[in-house]
N, C-alpha and C. Protein backbone atom coordinates (compact mmCIF):
# COMPACT_ATOMS: atom_id res chain seq x y z
N MET A 1 86.53 5.90 -22.75
CA MET A 1 85.81 5.17 -23.79
C MET A 1 85.83 6.02 -25.06
N LYS A 2 86.10 5.36 -26.15
CA LYS A 2 86.18 6.06 -27.43
C LYS A 2 84.80 6.45 -27.93
N LEU A 3 84.77 7.51 -28.74
CA LEU A 3 83.51 8.04 -29.25
C LEU A 3 82.72 7.00 -30.05
N HIS A 4 83.41 6.23 -30.91
CA HIS A 4 82.68 5.23 -31.71
C HIS A 4 82.05 4.15 -30.83
N CYS A 5 82.68 3.84 -29.69
CA CYS A 5 82.09 2.86 -28.77
C CYS A 5 80.85 3.42 -28.10
N LEU A 6 80.91 4.70 -27.73
CA LEU A 6 79.73 5.34 -27.13
C LEU A 6 78.57 5.39 -28.12
N ILE A 7 78.90 5.70 -29.37
CA ILE A 7 77.86 5.74 -30.41
C ILE A 7 77.27 4.34 -30.62
N GLN A 8 78.14 3.32 -30.66
CA GLN A 8 77.67 1.94 -30.82
C GLN A 8 76.78 1.53 -29.65
N LEU A 9 77.17 1.89 -28.44
CA LEU A 9 76.35 1.57 -27.26
C LEU A 9 75.00 2.28 -27.34
N LEU A 10 75.02 3.55 -27.70
CA LEU A 10 73.78 4.32 -27.77
C LEU A 10 72.84 3.77 -28.83
N ILE A 11 73.36 3.50 -30.01
CA ILE A 11 72.53 2.98 -31.10
C ILE A 11 71.95 1.61 -30.75
N SER A 12 72.78 0.72 -30.22
CA SER A 12 72.27 -0.62 -29.88
C SER A 12 71.27 -0.54 -28.74
N ALA A 13 71.49 0.35 -27.77
CA ALA A 13 70.53 0.50 -26.67
C ALA A 13 69.20 1.04 -27.18
N LEU A 14 69.25 2.01 -28.07
CA LEU A 14 68.01 2.58 -28.62
C LEU A 14 67.24 1.55 -29.44
N ILE A 15 67.95 0.77 -30.25
CA ILE A 15 67.28 -0.28 -31.04
C ILE A 15 66.64 -1.30 -30.11
N LEU A 16 67.39 -1.73 -29.11
CA LEU A 16 66.88 -2.74 -28.17
C LEU A 16 65.67 -2.21 -27.41
N LEU A 17 65.76 -1.00 -26.90
CA LEU A 17 64.62 -0.41 -26.17
C LEU A 17 63.42 -0.21 -27.09
N GLY A 18 63.68 0.21 -28.33
CA GLY A 18 62.59 0.36 -29.31
C GLY A 18 61.90 -0.96 -29.59
N LEU A 19 62.68 -2.02 -29.75
CA LEU A 19 62.10 -3.35 -29.98
C LEU A 19 61.26 -3.78 -28.78
N ILE A 20 61.79 -3.63 -27.59
CA ILE A 20 61.06 -4.04 -26.38
C ILE A 20 59.75 -3.26 -26.27
N PHE A 21 59.84 -1.95 -26.46
CA PHE A 21 58.64 -1.11 -26.36
C PHE A 21 57.59 -1.55 -27.38
N ASN A 22 58.00 -1.75 -28.64
CA ASN A 22 57.05 -2.11 -29.69
C ASN A 22 56.49 -3.51 -29.50
N ILE A 23 57.31 -4.45 -29.06
CA ILE A 23 56.82 -5.81 -28.82
C ILE A 23 55.75 -5.80 -27.74
N ARG A 24 55.97 -5.00 -26.72
CA ARG A 24 55.03 -4.96 -25.59
C ARG A 24 53.80 -4.10 -25.85
N ASN A 25 53.92 -3.09 -26.73
CA ASN A 25 52.85 -2.10 -26.81
C ASN A 25 52.22 -1.89 -28.18
N SER A 26 52.82 -2.36 -29.24
CA SER A 26 52.32 -2.02 -30.58
C SER A 26 51.76 -3.25 -31.31
N ARG A 27 50.46 -3.25 -31.47
CA ARG A 27 49.84 -4.34 -32.24
C ARG A 27 50.27 -4.30 -33.70
N LEU A 28 50.44 -3.09 -34.24
CA LEU A 28 50.85 -2.95 -35.62
C LEU A 28 52.26 -3.52 -35.83
N PHE A 29 53.17 -3.21 -34.92
CA PHE A 29 54.53 -3.75 -35.01
C PHE A 29 54.49 -5.27 -34.97
N ASN A 30 53.75 -5.83 -34.03
CA ASN A 30 53.65 -7.28 -33.90
C ASN A 30 52.99 -7.91 -35.12
N PHE A 31 52.00 -7.23 -35.68
CA PHE A 31 51.36 -7.73 -36.89
C PHE A 31 52.38 -7.85 -38.02
N TYR A 32 53.14 -6.79 -38.25
CA TYR A 32 54.14 -6.82 -39.33
C TYR A 32 55.29 -7.78 -39.02
N ASP A 33 55.63 -7.93 -37.77
CA ASP A 33 56.67 -8.90 -37.38
C ASP A 33 56.20 -10.32 -37.68
N HIS A 34 54.95 -10.62 -37.35
CA HIS A 34 54.38 -11.95 -37.64
C HIS A 34 54.27 -12.17 -39.15
N LEU A 35 53.84 -11.12 -39.86
CA LEU A 35 53.71 -11.21 -41.31
C LEU A 35 55.07 -11.47 -41.96
N LEU A 36 56.08 -10.74 -41.55
CA LEU A 36 57.44 -10.95 -42.07
C LEU A 36 57.92 -12.35 -41.74
N HIS A 37 57.62 -12.82 -40.55
CA HIS A 37 58.00 -14.17 -40.14
C HIS A 37 57.41 -15.20 -41.10
N HIS A 38 56.14 -15.07 -41.42
CA HIS A 38 55.49 -16.03 -42.33
C HIS A 38 56.03 -15.93 -43.76
N LYS A 39 56.40 -14.73 -44.18
CA LYS A 39 56.96 -14.55 -45.52
C LYS A 39 58.37 -15.14 -45.63
N LEU A 40 59.15 -15.04 -44.54
CA LEU A 40 60.53 -15.52 -44.57
C LEU A 40 60.64 -17.03 -44.46
N VAL A 41 59.74 -17.64 -43.72
CA VAL A 41 59.83 -19.07 -43.44
C VAL A 41 59.27 -19.85 -44.61
N LYS A 42 60.10 -20.74 -45.14
CA LYS A 42 59.67 -21.55 -46.28
C LYS A 42 59.56 -23.03 -45.92
N ASN A 43 60.66 -23.59 -45.39
CA ASN A 43 60.69 -25.03 -45.14
C ASN A 43 61.38 -25.27 -43.81
N ARG A 44 60.68 -25.87 -42.89
CA ARG A 44 61.29 -26.09 -41.57
C ARG A 44 61.69 -27.54 -41.34
N ASP A 45 61.52 -28.38 -42.35
CA ASP A 45 61.77 -29.80 -42.15
C ASP A 45 63.21 -30.22 -42.42
N GLY A 46 64.04 -29.32 -42.88
CA GLY A 46 65.41 -29.71 -43.21
C GLY A 46 66.19 -30.15 -41.99
N LYS A 47 66.86 -31.28 -42.10
CA LYS A 47 67.65 -31.81 -40.98
C LYS A 47 68.83 -30.91 -40.65
N ILE A 48 69.34 -30.19 -41.65
CA ILE A 48 70.49 -29.31 -41.42
C ILE A 48 70.14 -28.23 -40.40
N TRP A 49 68.91 -27.73 -40.44
CA TRP A 49 68.50 -26.68 -39.50
C TRP A 49 68.44 -27.23 -38.08
N LYS A 50 68.05 -28.47 -37.95
CA LYS A 50 68.01 -29.10 -36.63
C LYS A 50 69.42 -29.30 -36.08
N VAL A 51 70.35 -29.70 -36.94
CA VAL A 51 71.75 -29.88 -36.53
C VAL A 51 72.35 -28.54 -36.10
N ILE A 52 72.09 -27.50 -36.90
CA ILE A 52 72.60 -26.17 -36.56
C ILE A 52 72.02 -25.71 -35.23
N THR A 53 70.74 -25.98 -35.03
CA THR A 53 70.09 -25.60 -33.77
C THR A 53 70.74 -26.30 -32.58
N VAL A 54 70.99 -27.59 -32.69
CA VAL A 54 71.60 -28.34 -31.59
C VAL A 54 73.02 -27.86 -31.32
N LEU A 55 73.81 -27.65 -32.37
CA LEU A 55 75.20 -27.22 -32.20
C LEU A 55 75.33 -25.82 -31.61
N ASN A 56 74.27 -25.02 -31.75
CA ASN A 56 74.30 -23.66 -31.24
C ASN A 56 73.33 -23.43 -30.09
N GLU A 57 72.93 -24.50 -29.48
CA GLU A 57 72.12 -24.41 -28.25
C GLU A 57 72.93 -23.59 -27.24
N PRO A 58 72.32 -22.65 -26.53
CA PRO A 58 73.09 -21.84 -25.58
C PRO A 58 73.93 -22.66 -24.59
N LYS A 59 73.42 -23.80 -24.16
CA LYS A 59 74.21 -24.65 -23.25
C LYS A 59 75.45 -25.22 -23.95
N VAL A 60 75.31 -25.52 -25.23
CA VAL A 60 76.44 -26.04 -26.00
C VAL A 60 77.47 -24.94 -26.23
N ILE A 61 76.99 -23.72 -26.46
CA ILE A 61 77.91 -22.58 -26.62
C ILE A 61 78.73 -22.38 -25.35
N VAL A 62 78.14 -22.64 -24.20
CA VAL A 62 78.90 -22.56 -22.94
C VAL A 62 80.04 -23.57 -22.96
N VAL A 63 79.78 -24.76 -23.45
CA VAL A 63 80.83 -25.78 -23.57
C VAL A 63 81.92 -25.30 -24.52
N TRP A 64 81.51 -24.75 -25.68
CA TRP A 64 82.49 -24.21 -26.63
C TRP A 64 83.33 -23.12 -25.96
N ASP A 65 82.67 -22.29 -25.14
CA ASP A 65 83.39 -21.20 -24.47
C ASP A 65 84.40 -21.74 -23.45
N PHE A 66 84.03 -22.79 -22.74
CA PHE A 66 84.98 -23.40 -21.80
C PHE A 66 86.17 -24.02 -22.55
N LEU A 67 85.89 -24.60 -23.72
CA LEU A 67 86.99 -25.13 -24.55
C LEU A 67 87.90 -24.00 -25.02
N LEU A 68 87.30 -22.89 -25.42
CA LEU A 68 88.08 -21.71 -25.82
C LEU A 68 88.92 -21.21 -24.65
N ALA A 69 88.31 -21.12 -23.47
CA ALA A 69 89.04 -20.65 -22.29
C ALA A 69 90.20 -21.59 -21.96
N GLY A 70 89.96 -22.89 -22.06
CA GLY A 70 91.03 -23.86 -21.81
C GLY A 70 92.18 -23.68 -22.79
N LEU A 71 91.85 -23.46 -24.05
CA LEU A 71 92.87 -23.21 -25.06
C LEU A 71 93.66 -21.94 -24.75
N LEU A 72 92.96 -20.92 -24.32
CA LEU A 72 93.63 -19.66 -23.99
C LEU A 72 94.56 -19.81 -22.78
N VAL A 73 94.12 -20.56 -21.79
CA VAL A 73 94.96 -20.82 -20.62
C VAL A 73 96.19 -21.62 -21.04
N LEU A 74 95.98 -22.60 -21.90
CA LEU A 74 97.08 -23.43 -22.40
C LEU A 74 98.16 -22.58 -23.09
N PHE A 75 97.71 -21.53 -23.77
CA PHE A 75 98.64 -20.64 -24.47
C PHE A 75 98.98 -19.38 -23.66
N HIS A 76 98.83 -19.51 -22.35
CA HIS A 76 99.27 -18.47 -21.39
C HIS A 76 98.51 -17.15 -21.52
N HIS A 77 97.21 -17.25 -21.68
CA HIS A 77 96.34 -16.06 -21.71
C HIS A 77 95.19 -16.25 -20.72
N PRO A 78 95.49 -16.41 -19.42
CA PRO A 78 94.41 -16.67 -18.46
C PRO A 78 93.41 -15.52 -18.32
N TRP A 79 93.87 -14.28 -18.46
CA TRP A 79 92.94 -13.15 -18.33
C TRP A 79 91.98 -13.09 -19.50
N LEU A 80 92.47 -13.45 -20.66
CA LEU A 80 91.61 -13.51 -21.84
C LEU A 80 90.59 -14.64 -21.69
N ALA A 81 91.00 -15.73 -21.08
CA ALA A 81 90.09 -16.85 -20.81
C ALA A 81 88.98 -16.41 -19.87
N LEU A 82 89.35 -15.71 -18.80
CA LEU A 82 88.34 -15.20 -17.86
C LEU A 82 87.41 -14.20 -18.54
N TRP A 83 87.98 -13.37 -19.40
CA TRP A 83 87.18 -12.39 -20.13
C TRP A 83 86.14 -13.09 -21.00
N SER A 84 86.56 -14.14 -21.71
CA SER A 84 85.61 -14.84 -22.59
C SER A 84 84.50 -15.53 -21.80
N LEU A 85 84.86 -16.13 -20.69
CA LEU A 85 83.84 -16.77 -19.85
C LEU A 85 82.89 -15.74 -19.24
N GLY A 86 83.46 -14.65 -18.74
CA GLY A 86 82.64 -13.60 -18.14
C GLY A 86 81.73 -12.91 -19.14
N THR A 87 82.24 -12.67 -20.34
CA THR A 87 81.45 -12.00 -21.37
C THR A 87 80.24 -12.84 -21.76
N LEU A 88 80.45 -14.13 -21.98
CA LEU A 88 79.33 -15.00 -22.33
C LEU A 88 78.35 -15.11 -21.16
N ALA A 89 78.86 -15.26 -19.95
CA ALA A 89 77.99 -15.42 -18.78
C ALA A 89 77.11 -14.19 -18.58
N VAL A 90 77.69 -13.02 -18.64
CA VAL A 90 76.92 -11.79 -18.42
C VAL A 90 75.91 -11.58 -19.55
N THR A 91 76.35 -11.80 -20.79
CA THR A 91 75.45 -11.62 -21.93
C THR A 91 74.27 -12.58 -21.84
N ASP A 92 74.53 -13.85 -21.54
CA ASP A 92 73.44 -14.82 -21.40
C ASP A 92 72.52 -14.47 -20.24
N ALA A 93 73.09 -13.99 -19.14
CA ALA A 93 72.27 -13.61 -17.98
C ALA A 93 71.34 -12.45 -18.33
N VAL A 94 71.85 -11.46 -19.05
CA VAL A 94 71.01 -10.33 -19.47
C VAL A 94 69.92 -10.83 -20.43
N GLY A 95 70.28 -11.74 -21.33
CA GLY A 95 69.31 -12.30 -22.26
C GLY A 95 68.19 -13.05 -21.53
N ILE A 96 68.56 -13.85 -20.54
CA ILE A 96 67.56 -14.58 -19.75
C ILE A 96 66.67 -13.61 -18.99
N PHE A 97 67.28 -12.57 -18.42
CA PHE A 97 66.51 -11.54 -17.72
C PHE A 97 65.48 -10.89 -18.66
N LEU A 98 65.94 -10.55 -19.86
CA LEU A 98 65.02 -9.94 -20.83
C LEU A 98 63.91 -10.89 -21.24
N LYS A 99 64.24 -12.17 -21.45
CA LYS A 99 63.21 -13.15 -21.80
C LYS A 99 62.10 -13.17 -20.76
N HIS A 100 62.50 -13.18 -19.50
CA HIS A 100 61.51 -13.27 -18.42
C HIS A 100 60.85 -11.94 -18.10
N SER A 101 61.43 -10.85 -18.59
CA SER A 101 60.80 -9.53 -18.40
C SER A 101 59.80 -9.23 -19.51
N VAL A 102 60.19 -9.50 -20.76
CA VAL A 102 59.33 -9.20 -21.90
C VAL A 102 58.21 -10.25 -22.02
N LYS A 103 58.54 -11.51 -21.78
CA LYS A 103 57.58 -12.62 -21.80
C LYS A 103 56.82 -12.74 -23.13
N ARG A 104 57.55 -12.64 -24.20
CA ARG A 104 56.93 -12.78 -25.51
C ARG A 104 56.76 -14.26 -25.83
N LYS A 105 55.56 -14.62 -26.23
CA LYS A 105 55.29 -16.01 -26.58
C LYS A 105 55.92 -16.35 -27.92
N ARG A 106 56.33 -17.60 -28.05
CA ARG A 106 56.91 -18.09 -29.30
C ARG A 106 55.84 -18.14 -30.39
N PRO A 107 56.28 -18.22 -31.65
CA PRO A 107 55.30 -18.42 -32.73
C PRO A 107 54.45 -19.66 -32.46
N LEU A 108 53.21 -19.62 -32.90
CA LEU A 108 52.25 -20.71 -32.61
C LEU A 108 52.78 -22.08 -32.96
N SER A 109 53.44 -22.22 -34.09
CA SER A 109 53.88 -23.54 -34.53
C SER A 109 54.96 -24.13 -33.63
N MET A 110 55.66 -23.31 -32.86
CA MET A 110 56.76 -23.80 -32.03
C MET A 110 56.34 -24.09 -30.60
N ARG A 111 55.22 -23.57 -30.18
CA ARG A 111 54.82 -23.69 -28.77
C ARG A 111 54.65 -25.14 -28.32
N THR A 112 54.31 -26.03 -29.24
CA THR A 112 54.14 -27.43 -28.85
C THR A 112 55.48 -28.14 -28.69
N TYR A 113 56.54 -27.59 -29.31
CA TYR A 113 57.86 -28.24 -29.26
C TYR A 113 58.78 -27.70 -28.17
N ARG A 114 58.63 -26.43 -27.83
CA ARG A 114 59.62 -25.79 -26.97
C ARG A 114 58.94 -24.84 -26.00
N ASP A 115 59.31 -24.97 -24.73
CA ASP A 115 58.80 -24.06 -23.71
C ASP A 115 59.61 -22.76 -23.74
N GLY A 116 59.16 -21.80 -22.97
CA GLY A 116 59.93 -20.58 -22.81
C GLY A 116 59.43 -19.46 -23.69
N TYR A 117 60.13 -18.37 -23.57
CA TYR A 117 59.76 -17.16 -24.28
C TYR A 117 60.64 -16.96 -25.50
N SER A 118 60.21 -16.04 -26.34
CA SER A 118 60.81 -15.88 -27.65
C SER A 118 61.85 -14.75 -27.74
N PHE A 119 61.66 -13.66 -27.02
CA PHE A 119 62.52 -12.49 -27.19
C PHE A 119 63.47 -12.33 -26.01
N PRO A 120 64.76 -12.20 -26.27
CA PRO A 120 65.51 -12.35 -27.52
C PRO A 120 65.87 -13.82 -27.74
N SER A 121 66.27 -14.15 -28.94
CA SER A 121 66.65 -15.53 -29.25
C SER A 121 67.94 -15.89 -28.53
N GLY A 122 67.87 -16.92 -27.69
CA GLY A 122 69.06 -17.36 -26.95
C GLY A 122 70.13 -17.95 -27.86
N HIS A 123 69.70 -18.67 -28.89
CA HIS A 123 70.65 -19.25 -29.84
C HIS A 123 71.43 -18.16 -30.56
N VAL A 124 70.70 -17.17 -31.08
CA VAL A 124 71.35 -16.09 -31.82
C VAL A 124 72.20 -15.24 -30.88
N LEU A 125 71.72 -14.99 -29.68
CA LEU A 125 72.50 -14.21 -28.70
C LEU A 125 73.83 -14.89 -28.41
N SER A 126 73.79 -16.17 -28.10
CA SER A 126 75.02 -16.90 -27.77
C SER A 126 75.95 -17.02 -28.98
N ALA A 127 75.38 -17.30 -30.15
CA ALA A 127 76.20 -17.43 -31.36
C ALA A 127 76.84 -16.10 -31.74
N THR A 128 76.10 -15.01 -31.56
CA THR A 128 76.63 -13.69 -31.89
C THR A 128 77.76 -13.30 -30.96
N ILE A 129 77.56 -13.45 -29.67
CA ILE A 129 78.61 -13.05 -28.71
C ILE A 129 79.84 -13.93 -28.87
N MET A 130 79.63 -15.22 -29.14
CA MET A 130 80.76 -16.12 -29.35
C MET A 130 81.53 -15.74 -30.61
N SER A 131 80.83 -15.41 -31.67
CA SER A 131 81.49 -14.98 -32.91
C SER A 131 82.29 -13.70 -32.69
N LEU A 132 81.70 -12.76 -31.98
CA LEU A 132 82.40 -11.50 -31.70
C LEU A 132 83.65 -11.74 -30.86
N MET A 133 83.55 -12.63 -29.88
CA MET A 133 84.72 -12.93 -29.04
C MET A 133 85.81 -13.63 -29.86
N LEU A 134 85.42 -14.58 -30.70
CA LEU A 134 86.41 -15.27 -31.54
C LEU A 134 87.11 -14.29 -32.47
N TRP A 135 86.35 -13.34 -33.02
CA TRP A 135 86.96 -12.34 -33.89
C TRP A 135 87.93 -11.45 -33.09
N GLN A 136 87.51 -11.06 -31.89
CA GLN A 136 88.37 -10.22 -31.04
C GLN A 136 89.68 -10.94 -30.71
N ILE A 137 89.59 -12.22 -30.41
CA ILE A 137 90.77 -12.97 -29.96
C ILE A 137 91.66 -13.40 -31.12
N PHE A 138 91.05 -13.90 -32.19
CA PHE A 138 91.83 -14.50 -33.28
C PHE A 138 91.82 -13.73 -34.59
N GLY A 139 91.06 -12.65 -34.67
CA GLY A 139 90.92 -11.91 -35.92
C GLY A 139 92.23 -11.39 -36.47
N HIS A 140 93.10 -10.91 -35.59
CA HIS A 140 94.38 -10.36 -36.05
C HIS A 140 95.31 -11.46 -36.58
N ILE A 141 95.06 -12.69 -36.18
CA ILE A 141 95.90 -13.81 -36.62
C ILE A 141 95.33 -14.44 -37.89
N MET A 142 94.03 -14.67 -37.91
CA MET A 142 93.41 -15.44 -38.99
C MET A 142 92.80 -14.58 -40.09
N GLY A 143 92.60 -13.31 -39.83
CA GLY A 143 92.17 -12.38 -40.86
C GLY A 143 90.79 -12.60 -41.43
N ILE A 144 90.69 -12.25 -42.71
CA ILE A 144 89.40 -12.19 -43.40
C ILE A 144 88.70 -13.54 -43.47
N TRP A 145 89.46 -14.63 -43.53
CA TRP A 145 88.84 -15.96 -43.64
C TRP A 145 88.08 -16.31 -42.37
N LEU A 146 88.59 -15.91 -41.23
CA LEU A 146 87.86 -16.13 -39.98
C LEU A 146 86.58 -15.29 -39.99
N LEU A 147 86.69 -14.05 -40.42
CA LEU A 147 85.52 -13.18 -40.47
C LEU A 147 84.44 -13.76 -41.37
N ILE A 148 84.81 -14.21 -42.55
CA ILE A 148 83.84 -14.81 -43.48
C ILE A 148 83.21 -16.06 -42.88
N THR A 149 84.02 -16.90 -42.25
CA THR A 149 83.52 -18.12 -41.62
C THR A 149 82.54 -17.79 -40.50
N LEU A 150 82.88 -16.82 -39.67
CA LEU A 150 82.00 -16.43 -38.56
C LEU A 150 80.69 -15.85 -39.06
N ILE A 151 80.74 -15.04 -40.09
CA ILE A 151 79.51 -14.45 -40.64
C ILE A 151 78.61 -15.53 -41.23
N ILE A 152 79.20 -16.47 -41.95
CA ILE A 152 78.40 -17.57 -42.52
C ILE A 152 77.78 -18.42 -41.41
N ALA A 153 78.58 -18.77 -40.40
CA ALA A 153 78.06 -19.58 -39.28
C ALA A 153 76.94 -18.84 -38.55
N TRP A 154 77.16 -17.55 -38.30
CA TRP A 154 76.14 -16.74 -37.63
C TRP A 154 74.86 -16.68 -38.48
N GLY A 155 75.03 -16.46 -39.78
CA GLY A 155 73.87 -16.41 -40.68
C GLY A 155 73.08 -17.70 -40.68
N LEU A 156 73.78 -18.83 -40.63
CA LEU A 156 73.09 -20.13 -40.58
C LEU A 156 72.27 -20.27 -39.29
N VAL A 157 72.80 -19.78 -38.18
CA VAL A 157 72.05 -19.83 -36.91
C VAL A 157 70.80 -18.97 -37.02
N VAL A 158 70.93 -17.78 -37.57
CA VAL A 158 69.77 -16.89 -37.74
C VAL A 158 68.71 -17.56 -38.60
N VAL A 159 69.11 -18.09 -39.75
CA VAL A 159 68.16 -18.73 -40.65
C VAL A 159 67.53 -19.96 -39.98
N SER A 160 68.32 -20.71 -39.22
CA SER A 160 67.76 -21.90 -38.56
C SER A 160 66.69 -21.52 -37.54
N ARG A 161 66.88 -20.43 -36.82
CA ARG A 161 65.89 -20.02 -35.81
C ARG A 161 64.60 -19.57 -36.48
N LEU A 162 64.73 -18.91 -37.62
CA LEU A 162 63.53 -18.50 -38.36
C LEU A 162 62.89 -19.68 -39.07
N ASN A 163 63.70 -20.52 -39.71
CA ASN A 163 63.16 -21.68 -40.43
C ASN A 163 62.53 -22.70 -39.50
N MET A 164 63.06 -22.82 -38.31
CA MET A 164 62.45 -23.75 -37.34
C MET A 164 61.20 -23.14 -36.69
N ARG A 165 60.90 -21.91 -37.07
CA ARG A 165 59.75 -21.18 -36.56
C ARG A 165 59.78 -21.02 -35.04
N ALA A 166 60.97 -20.89 -34.51
CA ALA A 166 61.13 -20.71 -33.07
C ALA A 166 61.11 -19.25 -32.67
N HIS A 167 61.33 -18.35 -33.65
CA HIS A 167 61.44 -16.92 -33.33
C HIS A 167 60.90 -16.06 -34.45
N TYR A 168 60.52 -14.86 -34.06
CA TYR A 168 60.15 -13.82 -35.01
C TYR A 168 61.41 -13.06 -35.42
N PRO A 169 61.38 -12.35 -36.55
CA PRO A 169 62.55 -11.58 -36.96
C PRO A 169 63.04 -10.59 -35.90
N SER A 170 62.12 -9.98 -35.18
CA SER A 170 62.54 -9.01 -34.15
C SER A 170 63.26 -9.70 -32.98
N ASP A 171 63.00 -10.97 -32.74
CA ASP A 171 63.72 -11.73 -31.70
C ASP A 171 65.19 -11.88 -32.09
N VAL A 172 65.41 -12.12 -33.37
CA VAL A 172 66.77 -12.28 -33.89
C VAL A 172 67.49 -10.94 -33.86
N LEU A 173 66.80 -9.89 -34.30
CA LEU A 173 67.39 -8.55 -34.27
C LEU A 173 67.70 -8.12 -32.84
N GLY A 174 66.79 -8.41 -31.93
CA GLY A 174 67.01 -8.06 -30.52
C GLY A 174 68.21 -8.80 -29.93
N ALA A 175 68.35 -10.07 -30.26
CA ALA A 175 69.49 -10.85 -29.75
C ALA A 175 70.80 -10.33 -30.30
N THR A 176 70.81 -10.00 -31.59
CA THR A 176 72.03 -9.47 -32.21
C THR A 176 72.40 -8.13 -31.60
N THR A 177 71.40 -7.27 -31.42
CA THR A 177 71.64 -5.95 -30.84
C THR A 177 72.12 -6.07 -29.39
N LEU A 178 71.52 -6.94 -28.61
CA LEU A 178 71.95 -7.14 -27.23
C LEU A 178 73.38 -7.66 -27.18
N ALA A 179 73.72 -8.59 -28.05
CA ALA A 179 75.09 -9.12 -28.09
C ALA A 179 76.08 -8.01 -28.43
N LEU A 180 75.75 -7.15 -29.39
CA LEU A 180 76.63 -6.04 -29.74
C LEU A 180 76.79 -5.07 -28.57
N PHE A 181 75.71 -4.80 -27.87
CA PHE A 181 75.75 -3.91 -26.70
C PHE A 181 76.68 -4.49 -25.63
N CYS A 182 76.44 -5.74 -25.27
CA CYS A 182 77.26 -6.38 -24.23
C CYS A 182 78.72 -6.51 -24.66
N PHE A 183 78.93 -6.83 -25.93
CA PHE A 183 80.30 -6.99 -26.42
C PHE A 183 81.06 -5.67 -26.41
N THR A 184 80.39 -4.59 -26.74
CA THR A 184 81.05 -3.28 -26.72
C THR A 184 81.55 -2.96 -25.32
N ILE A 185 80.73 -3.25 -24.32
CA ILE A 185 81.16 -3.03 -22.93
C ILE A 185 82.30 -3.98 -22.57
N ALA A 186 82.18 -5.25 -22.93
CA ALA A 186 83.22 -6.24 -22.62
C ALA A 186 84.54 -5.88 -23.31
N GLN A 187 84.44 -5.37 -24.51
CA GLN A 187 85.63 -4.98 -25.27
C GLN A 187 86.36 -3.83 -24.56
N GLN A 188 85.58 -2.91 -24.02
CA GLN A 188 86.17 -1.78 -23.28
C GLN A 188 86.84 -2.28 -21.99
N LEU A 189 86.22 -3.22 -21.33
CA LEU A 189 86.81 -3.80 -20.12
C LEU A 189 88.10 -4.54 -20.45
N LEU A 190 88.10 -5.23 -21.58
CA LEU A 190 89.31 -5.93 -22.02
C LEU A 190 90.42 -4.92 -22.30
N GLY A 191 90.06 -3.81 -22.92
CA GLY A 191 91.04 -2.76 -23.19
C GLY A 191 91.63 -2.15 -21.93
N LEU A 192 90.81 -2.05 -20.89
CA LEU A 192 91.30 -1.52 -19.62
C LEU A 192 92.26 -2.50 -18.95
N ALA A 193 92.02 -3.81 -19.15
CA ALA A 193 92.85 -4.84 -18.50
C ALA A 193 94.22 -4.96 -19.16
N PHE A 194 94.33 -4.56 -20.43
CA PHE A 194 95.61 -4.72 -21.13
C PHE A 194 96.16 -3.38 -21.53
């Protein structure tokens, strides 16, 4: 494993563990997280945020991933297809495990609309890992335009989760950090396979 990958794993693990510790133990951290959440959220009634939320539902991302895997198999890359399916499956499984371990309640305004826990954001986790996989697979072909498109799409998912008041900022940061952690490991496994 390369040094930069070890550093990336260490930094993302420390951020993730720090977030978990503070969410569970620090009233001051949670106070500022709630305060930041209220300062960031302006308007949650926009239909565009609801569309973005539906299109990036973790279950829908699984469908997108199966479509990606089918495309990869069609173009004679079955191992890459398995890698993409496995990467999303493991990342989502770790995210679900964390949700049920941390058991952070959603913001008050969202509790009447959606069951479940808040940390980490499943939408952001799935969108982040999918974006990273798409960049890994197609980045060398499509270049900077793919990167810009993925960053904009990812940013819209993040804003939608905050604007819909479904998550606190630390939920989004935790999901992004977890996706980076899992992707770094998956990327190393992909490197070993090829």
